[in-house]
Amino acid sequence: TSAPALFQPKTGPLGLTDWEKVYAAGPSKWTEADIFEARELSRDGVVIAQLNRGHLVRRHDLRPRVRSQHPWRLPRPCLKAHTDV
């Protein structure tokens, strides 16, 4: 297709393109919606931010391994283990 790679979301373990989530600016044979009107976006320009949450660790994932009097302060070895990628 002519859609930029940024607008072709990948899904699943194989990283296949999820074509149902690729939008065009105007109506097409697959949809009658105009993405700018549907999402109330300005046609003058928008900012798109792609978030990568794969590097974040949930707080409850650390609790069983952390034994500290201060739950908000993690011991150094625990922090090092999760920052070495």
PDB file of N, CA and C in Angstrom:
ATOM      1  N   THR A   1       0.837  -1.190   0.000  1.00  0.00           N
ATOM      2  CA  THR A   1       0.000   0.000   0.000  1.00  0.00           C
ATOM      3  C   THR A   1       0.870   1.237   0.000  1.00  0.00           C
ATOM      4  N   SER A   2       0.234   2.377  -0.105  1.00  0.00           N
ATOM      5  CA  SER A   2       0.985   3.628  -0.102  1.00  0.00           C
ATOM      6  C   SER A   2       1.032   4.255   1.286  1.00  0.00           C
ATOM      7  N   ALA A   3       0.504   3.591   2.304  1.00  0.00           N
ATOM      8  CA  ALA A   3       0.551   4.127   3.671  1.00  0.00           C
ATOM      9  C   ALA A   3       1.969   4.006   4.219  1.00  0.00           C
ATOM     10  N   PRO A   4       2.484   5.062   4.874  1.00  0.00           N
ATOM     11  CA  PRO A   4       3.817   4.986   5.471  1.00  0.00           C
ATOM     12  C   PRO A   4       3.880   3.891   6.538  1.00  0.00           C
ATOM     13  N   ALA A   5       5.055   3.340   6.761  1.00  0.00           N
ATOM     14  CA  ALA A   5       5.233   2.249   7.729  1.00  0.00           C
ATOM     15  C   ALA A   5       4.771   2.643   9.129  1.00  0.00           C
ATOM     16  N   LEU A   6       4.914   3.924   9.494  1.00  0.00           N
ATOM     17  CA  LEU A   6       4.478   4.384  10.810  1.00  0.00           C
ATOM     18  C   LEU A   6       2.982   4.174  11.013  1.00  0.00           C
ATOM     19  N   PHE A   7       2.218   4.214   9.933  1.00  0.00           N
ATOM     20  CA  PHE A   7       0.765   4.065  10.012  1.00  0.00           C
ATOM     21  C   PHE A   7       0.305   2.634   9.753  1.00  0.00           C
ATOM     22  N   GLN A   8       1.232   1.687   9.731  1.00  0.00           N
ATOM     23  CA  GLN A   8       0.890   0.282   9.545  1.00  0.00           C
ATOM     24  C   GLN A   8       1.217  -0.470  10.833  1.00  0.00           C
ATOM     25  N   PRO A   9       0.289  -0.525  11.787  1.00  0.00           N
ATOM     26  CA  PRO A   9       0.578  -1.146  13.079  1.00  0.00           C
ATOM     27  C   PRO A   9       0.819  -2.651  12.954  1.00  0.00           C
ATOM     28  N   LYS A  10       1.823  -3.117  13.673  1.00  0.00           N
ATOM     29  CA  LYS A  10       2.168  -4.540  13.686  1.00  0.00           C
ATOM     30  C   LYS A  10       1.498  -5.200  14.889  1.00  0.00           C
ATOM     31  N   THR A  11       1.177  -6.474  14.751  1.00  0.00           N
ATOM     32  CA  THR A  11       0.519  -7.187  15.837  1.00  0.00           C
ATOM     33  C   THR A  11       0.953  -8.648  15.853  1.00  0.00           C
ATOM     34  N   GLY A  12       0.846  -9.270  17.014  1.00  0.00           N
ATOM     35  CA  GLY A  12       1.125 -10.695  17.157  1.00  0.00           C
ATOM     36  C   GLY A  12       2.596 -11.031  17.179  1.00  0.00           C
ATOM     37  N   PRO A  13       2.911 -12.298  17.457  1.00  0.00           N
ATOM     38  CA  PRO A  13       4.311 -12.718  17.563  1.00  0.00           C
ATOM     39  C   PRO A  13       5.066 -12.652  16.235  1.00  0.00           C
ATOM     40  N   LEU A  14       4.349 -12.673  15.122  1.00  0.00           N
ATOM     41  CA  LEU A  14       5.002 -12.593  13.813  1.00  0.00           C
ATOM     42  C   LEU A  14       5.148 -11.163  13.312  1.00  0.00           C
ATOM     43  N   GLY A  15       4.546 -10.213  14.007  1.00  0.00           N
ATOM     44  CA  GLY A  15       4.644  -8.814  13.603  1.00  0.00           C
ATOM     45  C   GLY A  15       3.952  -8.510  12.293  1.00  0.00           C
ATOM     46  N   LEU A  16       2.803  -9.140  12.066  1.00  0.00           N
ATOM     47  CA  LEU A  16       2.056  -8.897  10.830  1.00  0.00           C
ATOM     48  C   LEU A  16       1.326  -7.561  10.896  1.00  0.00           C
ATOM     49  N   THR A  17       1.131  -6.931   9.756  1.00  0.00           N
ATOM     50  CA  THR A  17       0.418  -5.657   9.701  1.00  0.00           C
ATOM     51  C   THR A  17      -1.061  -5.885   9.956  1.00  0.00           C
ATOM     52  N   ASP A  18      -1.620  -5.117  10.882  1.00  0.00           N
ATOM     53  CA  ASP A  18      -3.052  -5.188  11.188  1.00  0.00           C
ATOM     54  C   ASP A  18      -3.760  -4.196  10.275  1.00  0.00           C
ATOM     55  N   TRP A  19      -4.225  -4.669   9.128  1.00  0.00           N
ATOM     56  CA  TRP A  19      -4.791  -3.791   8.107  1.00  0.00           C
ATOM     57  C   TRP A  19      -6.085  -3.135   8.542  1.00  0.00           C
ATOM     58  N   GLU A  20      -6.770  -3.689   9.533  1.00  0.00           N
ATOM     59  CA  GLU A  20      -8.010  -3.072  10.010  1.00  0.00           C
ATOM     60  C   GLU A  20      -7.743  -1.793  10.796  1.00  0.00           C
ATOM     61  N   LYS A  21      -6.489  -1.576  11.195  1.00  0.00           N
ATOM     62  CA  LYS A  21      -6.153  -0.369  11.949  1.00  0.00           C
ATOM     63  C   LYS A  21      -5.396   0.656  11.115  1.00  0.00           C
ATOM     64  N   VAL A  22      -5.250   0.407   9.818  1.00  0.00           N
ATOM     65  CA  VAL A  22      -4.630   1.376   8.914  1.00  0.00           C
ATOM     66  C   VAL A  22      -5.740   2.270   8.383  1.00  0.00           C
ATOM     67  N   TYR A  23      -5.587   3.572   8.574  1.00  0.00           N
ATOM     68  CA  TYR A  23      -6.628   4.518   8.167  1.00  0.00           C
ATOM     69  C   TYR A  23      -6.169   5.345   6.985  1.00  0.00           C
ATOM     70  N   ALA A  24      -7.113   5.735   6.169  1.00  0.00           N
ATOM     71  CA  ALA A  24      -6.867   6.672   5.082  1.00  0.00           C
ATOM     72  C   ALA A  24      -7.501   8.002   5.456  1.00  0.00           C
ATOM     73  N   ALA A  25      -7.028   9.067   4.834  1.00  0.00           N
ATOM     74  CA  ALA A  25      -7.567  10.390   5.162  1.00  0.00           C
ATOM     75  C   ALA A  25      -9.033  10.508   4.787  1.00  0.00           C
ATOM     76  N   GLY A  26      -9.413   9.950   3.685  1.00  0.00           N
ATOM     77  CA  GLY A  26     -10.798  10.087   3.232  1.00  0.00           C
ATOM     78  C   GLY A  26     -11.500   8.750   3.144  1.00  0.00           C
ATOM     79  N   PRO A  27     -12.758   8.782   2.818  1.00  0.00           N
ATOM     80  CA  PRO A  27     -13.510   7.535   2.654  1.00  0.00           C
ATOM     81  C   PRO A  27     -12.921   6.674   1.533  1.00  0.00           C
ATOM     82  N   SER A  28     -13.059   5.364   1.678  1.00  0.00           N
ATOM     83  CA  SER A  28     -12.573   4.434   0.665  1.00  0.00           C
ATOM     84  C   SER A  28     -13.602   3.328   0.481  1.00  0.00           C
ATOM     85  N   LYS A  29     -13.238   2.311  -0.272  1.00  0.00           N
ATOM     86  CA  LYS A  29     -14.194   1.219  -0.470  1.00  0.00           C
ATOM     87  C   LYS A  29     -14.332   0.348   0.778  1.00  0.00           C
ATOM     88  N   TRP A  30     -13.417   0.496   1.753  1.00  0.00           N
ATOM     89  CA  TRP A  30     -13.496  -0.287   2.983  1.00  0.00           C
ATOM     90  C   TRP A  30     -14.205   0.454   4.106  1.00  0.00           C
ATOM     91  N   THR A  31     -14.181   1.759   4.073  1.00  0.00           N
ATOM     92  CA  THR A  31     -14.790   2.532   5.154  1.00  0.00           C
ATOM     93  C   THR A  31     -15.369   3.833   4.612  1.00  0.00           C
ATOM     94  N   GLU A  32     -16.410   4.281   5.247  1.00  0.00           N
ATOM     95  CA  GLU A  32     -17.016   5.555   4.856  1.00  0.00           C
ATOM     96  C   GLU A  32     -16.536   6.695   5.743  1.00  0.00           C
ATOM     97  N   ALA A  33     -15.748   6.368   6.760  1.00  0.00           N
ATOM     98  CA  ALA A  33     -15.314   7.377   7.729  1.00  0.00           C
ATOM     99  C   ALA A  33     -14.132   8.185   7.201  1.00  0.00           C
ATOM    100  N   ASP A  34     -14.115   9.436   7.540  1.00  0.00           N
ATOM    101  CA  ASP A  34     -12.968  10.312   7.306  1.00  0.00           C
ATOM    102  C   ASP A  34     -12.225  10.369   8.636  1.00  0.00           C
ATOM    103  N   ILE A  35     -10.973   9.918   8.675  1.00  0.00           N
ATOM    104  CA  ILE A  35     -10.234   9.802   9.933  1.00  0.00           C
ATOM    105  C   ILE A  35     -10.125  11.139  10.661  1.00  0.00           C
ATOM    106  N   PHE A  36     -10.011  12.239   9.914  1.00  0.00           N
ATOM    107  CA  PHE A  36      -9.907  13.546  10.560  1.00  0.00           C
ATOM    108  C   PHE A  36     -11.199  13.912  11.278  1.00  0.00           C
ATOM    109  N   GLU A  37     -12.320  13.631  10.659  1.00  0.00           N
ATOM    110  CA  GLU A  37     -13.607  13.928  11.292  1.00  0.00           C
ATOM    111  C   GLU A  37     -13.914  12.940  12.413  1.00  0.00           C
ATOM    112  N   ALA A  38     -13.600  11.658  12.198  1.00  0.00           N
ATOM    113  CA  ALA A  38     -13.902  10.630  13.200  1.00  0.00           C
ATOM    114  C   ALA A  38     -13.132  10.856  14.497  1.00  0.00           C
ATOM    115  N   ARG A  39     -11.879  11.309  14.399  1.00  0.00           N
ATOM    116  CA  ARG A  39     -11.036  11.518  15.584  1.00  0.00           C
ATOM    117  C   ARG A  39     -10.933  12.982  15.994  1.00  0.00           C
ATOM    118  N   GLU A  40     -11.672  13.844  15.308  1.00  0.00           N
ATOM    119  CA  GLU A  40     -11.645  15.287  15.569  1.00  0.00           C
ATOM    120  C   GLU A  40     -10.220  15.838  15.507  1.00  0.00           C
ATOM    121  N   LEU A  41      -9.502  15.487  14.429  1.00  0.00           N
ATOM    122  CA  LEU A  41      -8.135  15.941  14.213  1.00  0.00           C
ATOM    123  C   LEU A  41      -8.127  17.136  13.277  1.00  0.00           C
ATOM    124  N   SER A  42      -7.133  17.994  13.442  1.00  0.00           N
ATOM    125  CA  SER A  42      -6.988  19.152  12.575  1.00  0.00           C
ATOM    126  C   SER A  42      -6.332  18.732  11.263  1.00  0.00           C
ATOM    127  N   ARG A  43      -6.842  19.209  10.164  1.00  0.00           N
ATOM    128  CA  ARG A  43      -6.228  18.920   8.868  1.00  0.00           C
ATOM    129  C   ARG A  43      -4.953  19.743   8.654  1.00  0.00           C
ATOM    130  N   ASP A  44      -4.722  20.736   9.509  1.00  0.00           N
ATOM    131  CA  ASP A  44      -3.511  21.552   9.404  1.00  0.00           C
ATOM    132  C   ASP A  44      -2.280  20.804   9.904  1.00  0.00           C
ATOM    133  N   GLY A  45      -2.483  19.787  10.717  1.00  0.00           N
ATOM    134  CA  GLY A  45      -1.360  19.007  11.224  1.00  0.00           C
ATOM    135  C   GLY A  45      -1.656  18.401  12.581  1.00  0.00           C
ATOM    136  N   VAL A  46      -1.054  17.272  12.830  1.00  0.00           N
ATOM    137  CA  VAL A  46      -1.189  16.580  14.112  1.00  0.00           C
ATOM    138  C   VAL A  46       0.171  16.022  14.505  1.00  0.00           C
ATOM    139  N   VAL A  47       0.329  15.710  15.771  1.00  0.00           N
ATOM    140  CA  VAL A  47       1.547  15.081  16.272  1.00  0.00           C
ATOM    141  C   VAL A  47       1.206  13.643  16.632  1.00  0.00           C
ATOM    142  N   ILE A  48       2.017  12.713  16.164  1.00  0.00           N
ATOM    143  CA  ILE A  48       1.809  11.297  16.456  1.00  0.00           C
ATOM    144  C   ILE A  48       2.962  10.821  17.323  1.00  0.00           C
ATOM    145  N   ALA A  49       2.641  10.239  18.461  1.00  0.00           N
ATOM    146  CA  ALA A  49       3.658   9.700  19.367  1.00  0.00           C
ATOM    147  C   ALA A  49       3.462   8.201  19.471  1.00  0.00           C
ATOM    148  N   GLN A  50       4.514   7.459  19.180  1.00  0.00           N
ATOM    149  CA  GLN A  50       4.448   6.008  19.280  1.00  0.00           C
ATOM    150  C   GLN A  50       5.131   5.606  20.577  1.00  0.00           C
ATOM    151  N   LEU A  51       4.365   5.019  21.489  1.00  0.00           N
ATOM    152  CA  LEU A  51       4.891   4.623  22.785  1.00  0.00           C
ATOM    153  C   LEU A  51       5.359   3.178  22.746  1.00  0.00           C
ATOM    154  N   ASN A  52       6.533   2.945  23.303  1.00  0.00           N
ATOM    155  CA  ASN A  52       7.055   1.590  23.421  1.00  0.00           C
ATOM    156  C   ASN A  52       7.063   1.243  24.894  1.00  0.00           C
ATOM    157  N   ARG A  53       6.117   0.453  25.329  1.00  0.00           N
ATOM    158  CA  ARG A  53       5.998   0.117  26.749  1.00  0.00           C
ATOM    159  C   ARG A  53       6.677  -1.200  27.085  1.00  0.00           C
ATOM    160  N   GLY A  54       7.366  -1.799  26.168  1.00  0.00           N
ATOM    161  CA  GLY A  54       7.997  -3.088  26.413  1.00  0.00           C
ATOM    162  C   GLY A  54       9.096  -3.040  27.449  1.00  0.00           C
ATOM    163  N   HIS A  55       9.712  -1.888  27.665  1.00  0.00           N
ATOM    164  CA  HIS A  55      10.816  -1.791  28.611  1.00  0.00           C
ATOM    165  C   HIS A  55      10.350  -1.496  30.034  1.00  0.00           C
ATOM    166  N   LEU A  56       9.068  -1.199  30.230  1.00  0.00           N
ATOM    167  CA  LEU A  56       8.575  -0.869  31.559  1.00  0.00           C
ATOM    168  C   LEU A  56       8.318  -2.131  32.376  1.00  0.00           C
ATOM    169  N   VAL A  57       8.578  -2.036  33.666  1.00  0.00           N
ATOM    170  CA  VAL A  57       8.338  -3.149  34.583  1.00  0.00           C
ATOM    171  C   VAL A  57       7.225  -2.736  35.519  1.00  0.00           C
ATOM    172  N   ARG A  58       6.227  -3.583  35.665  1.00  0.00           N
ATOM    173  CA  ARG A  58       5.127  -3.266  36.562  1.00  0.00           C
ATOM    174  C   ARG A  58       5.582  -3.347  38.007  1.00  0.00           C
ATOM    175  N   ARG A  59       5.014  -2.513  38.836  1.00  0.00           N
ATOM    176  CA  ARG A  59       5.403  -2.467  40.242  1.00  0.00           C
ATOM    177  C   ARG A  59       5.140  -3.802  40.930  1.00  0.00           C
ATOM    178  N   HIS A  60       4.005  -4.439  40.659  1.00  0.00           N
ATOM    179  CA  HIS A  60       3.699  -5.695  41.335  1.00  0.00           C
ATOM    180  C   HIS A  60       4.616  -6.823  40.873  1.00  0.00           C
ATOM    181  N   ASP A  61       5.296  -6.670  39.732  1.00  0.00           N
ATOM    182  CA  ASP A  61       6.247  -7.686  39.294  1.00  0.00           C
ATOM    183  C   ASP A  61       7.505  -7.674  40.156  1.00  0.00           C
ATOM    184  N   LEU A  62       7.837  -6.532  40.748  1.00  0.00           N
ATOM    185  CA  LEU A  62       9.041  -6.425  41.562  1.00  0.00           C
ATOM    186  C   LEU A  62       8.811  -6.788  43.023  1.00  0.00           C
ATOM    187  N   ARG A  63       7.608  -6.642  43.523  1.00  0.00           N
ATOM    188  CA  ARG A  63       7.351  -6.832  44.952  1.00  0.00           C
ATOM    189  C   ARG A  63       7.819  -8.167  45.517  1.00  0.00           C
ATOM    190  N   PRO A  64       7.563  -9.308  44.889  1.00  0.00           N
ATOM    191  CA  PRO A  64       7.989 -10.563  45.507  1.00  0.00           C
ATOM    192  C   PRO A  64       9.496 -10.667  45.681  1.00  0.00           C
ATOM    193  N   ARG A  65      10.280  -9.964  44.870  1.00  0.00           N
ATOM    194  CA  ARG A  65      11.734 -10.059  44.939  1.00  0.00           C
ATOM    195  C   ARG A  65      12.364  -8.986  45.820  1.00  0.00           C
ATOM    196  N   VAL A  66      11.621  -7.970  46.171  1.00  0.00           N
ATOM    197  CA  VAL A  66      12.181  -6.845  46.913  1.00  0.00           C
ATOM    198  C   VAL A  66      11.856  -6.989  48.390  1.00  0.00           C
ATOM    199  N   ARG A  67      12.894  -6.962  49.221  1.00  0.00           N
ATOM    200  CA  ARG A  67      12.691  -6.974  50.670  1.00  0.00           C
ATOM    201  C   ARG A  67      13.372  -5.731  51.225  1.00  0.00           C
ATOM    202  N   SER A  68      12.577  -4.723  51.408  1.00  0.00           N
ATOM    203  CA  SER A  68      13.104  -3.442  51.857  1.00  0.00           C
ATOM    204  C   SER A  68      12.120  -2.817  52.824  1.00  0.00           C
ATOM    205  N   GLN A  69      12.641  -2.028  53.770  1.00  0.00           N
ATOM    206  CA  GLN A  69      11.759  -1.320  54.692  1.00  0.00           C
ATOM    207  C   GLN A  69      11.038  -0.193  53.963  1.00  0.00           C
ATOM    208  N   HIS A  70      11.615   0.264  52.877  1.00  0.00           N
ATOM    209  CA  HIS A  70      11.041   1.362  52.108  1.00  0.00           C
ATOM    210  C   HIS A  70      10.628   0.825  50.740  1.00  0.00           C
ATOM    211  N   PRO A  71       9.332   0.541  50.540  1.00  0.00           N
ATOM    212  CA  PRO A  71       8.909  -0.059  49.271  1.00  0.00           C
ATOM    213  C   PRO A  71       9.160   0.822  48.051  1.00  0.00           C
ATOM    214  N   TRP A  72       9.336   2.125  48.262  1.00  0.00           N
ATOM    215  CA  TRP A  72       9.585   3.002  47.114  1.00  0.00           C
ATOM    216  C   TRP A  72      11.063   3.057  46.749  1.00  0.00           C
ATOM    217  N   ARG A  73      11.927   2.506  47.601  1.00  0.00           N
ATOM    218  CA  ARG A  73      13.363   2.486  47.311  1.00  0.00           C
ATOM    219  C   ARG A  73      13.777   1.048  47.025  1.00  0.00           C
ATOM    220  N   LEU A  74      14.227   0.794  45.838  1.00  0.00           N
ATOM    221  CA  LEU A  74      14.628  -0.552  45.461  1.00  0.00           C
ATOM    222  C   LEU A  74      16.114  -0.746  45.705  1.00  0.00           C
ATOM    223  N   PRO A  75      16.517  -1.930  46.145  1.00  0.00           N
ATOM    224  CA  PRO A  75      17.946  -2.189  46.327  1.00  0.00           C
ATOM    225  C   PRO A  75      18.678  -2.132  44.987  1.00  0.00           C
ATOM    226  N   ARG A  76      19.927  -1.752  45.011  1.00  0.00           N
ATOM    227  CA  ARG A  76      20.702  -1.589  43.780  1.00  0.00           C
ATOM    228  C   ARG A  76      20.726  -2.840  42.896  1.00  0.00           C
ATOM    229  N   PRO A  77      20.956  -4.045  43.418  1.00  0.00           N
ATOM    230  CA  PRO A  77      20.981  -5.209  42.524  1.00  0.00           C
ATOM    231  C   PRO A  77      19.668  -5.397  41.761  1.00  0.00           C
ATOM    232  N   CYS A  78      18.551  -5.077  42.397  1.00  0.00           N
ATOM    233  CA  CYS A  78      17.255  -5.231  41.730  1.00  0.00           C
ATOM    234  C   CYS A  78      17.137  -4.231  40.580  1.00  0.00           C
ATOM    235  N   LEU A  79      17.557  -2.997  40.806  1.00  0.00           N
ATOM    236  CA  LEU A  79      17.502  -1.992  39.742  1.00  0.00           C
ATOM    237  C   LEU A  79      18.423  -2.372  38.593  1.00  0.00           C
ATOM    238  N   LYS A  80      19.628  -2.845  38.925  1.00  0.00           N
ATOM    239  CA  LYS A  80      20.586  -3.216  37.890  1.00  0.00           C
ATOM    240  C   LYS A  80      20.055  -4.368  37.042  1.00  0.00           C
ATOM    241  N   ALA A  81      19.391  -5.323  37.669  1.00  0.00           N
ATOM    242  CA  ALA A  81      18.884  -6.481  36.932  1.00  0.00           C
ATOM    243  C   ALA A  81      17.852  -6.077  35.889  1.00  0.00           C
ATOM    244  N   HIS A  82      17.098  -5.016  36.146  1.00  0.00           N
ATOM    245  CA  HIS A  82      16.049  -4.614  35.215  1.00  0.00           C
ATOM    246  C   HIS A  82      16.488  -3.529  34.239  1.00  0.00           C
ATOM    247  N   THR A  83      17.681  -2.967  34.433  1.00  0.00           N
ATOM    248  CA  THR A  83      18.141  -1.949  33.490  1.00  0.00           C
ATOM    249  C   THR A  83      19.113  -2.526  32.468  1.00  0.00           C
ATOM    250  N   ASP A  84      19.711  -3.681  32.753  1.00  0.00           N
ATOM    251  CA  ASP A  84      20.606  -4.319  31.782  1.00  0.00           C
ATOM    252  C   ASP A  84      19.767  -5.028  30.737  1.00  0.00           C
ATOM    253  N   VAL A  85      19.765  -4.495  29.543  1.00  0.00           N
ATOM    254  CA  VAL A  85      18.946  -5.106  28.486  1.00  0.00           C
ATOM    255  C   VAL A  85      19.843  -5.669  27.422  1.00  0.00           C
TER     256      VAL A  85
END
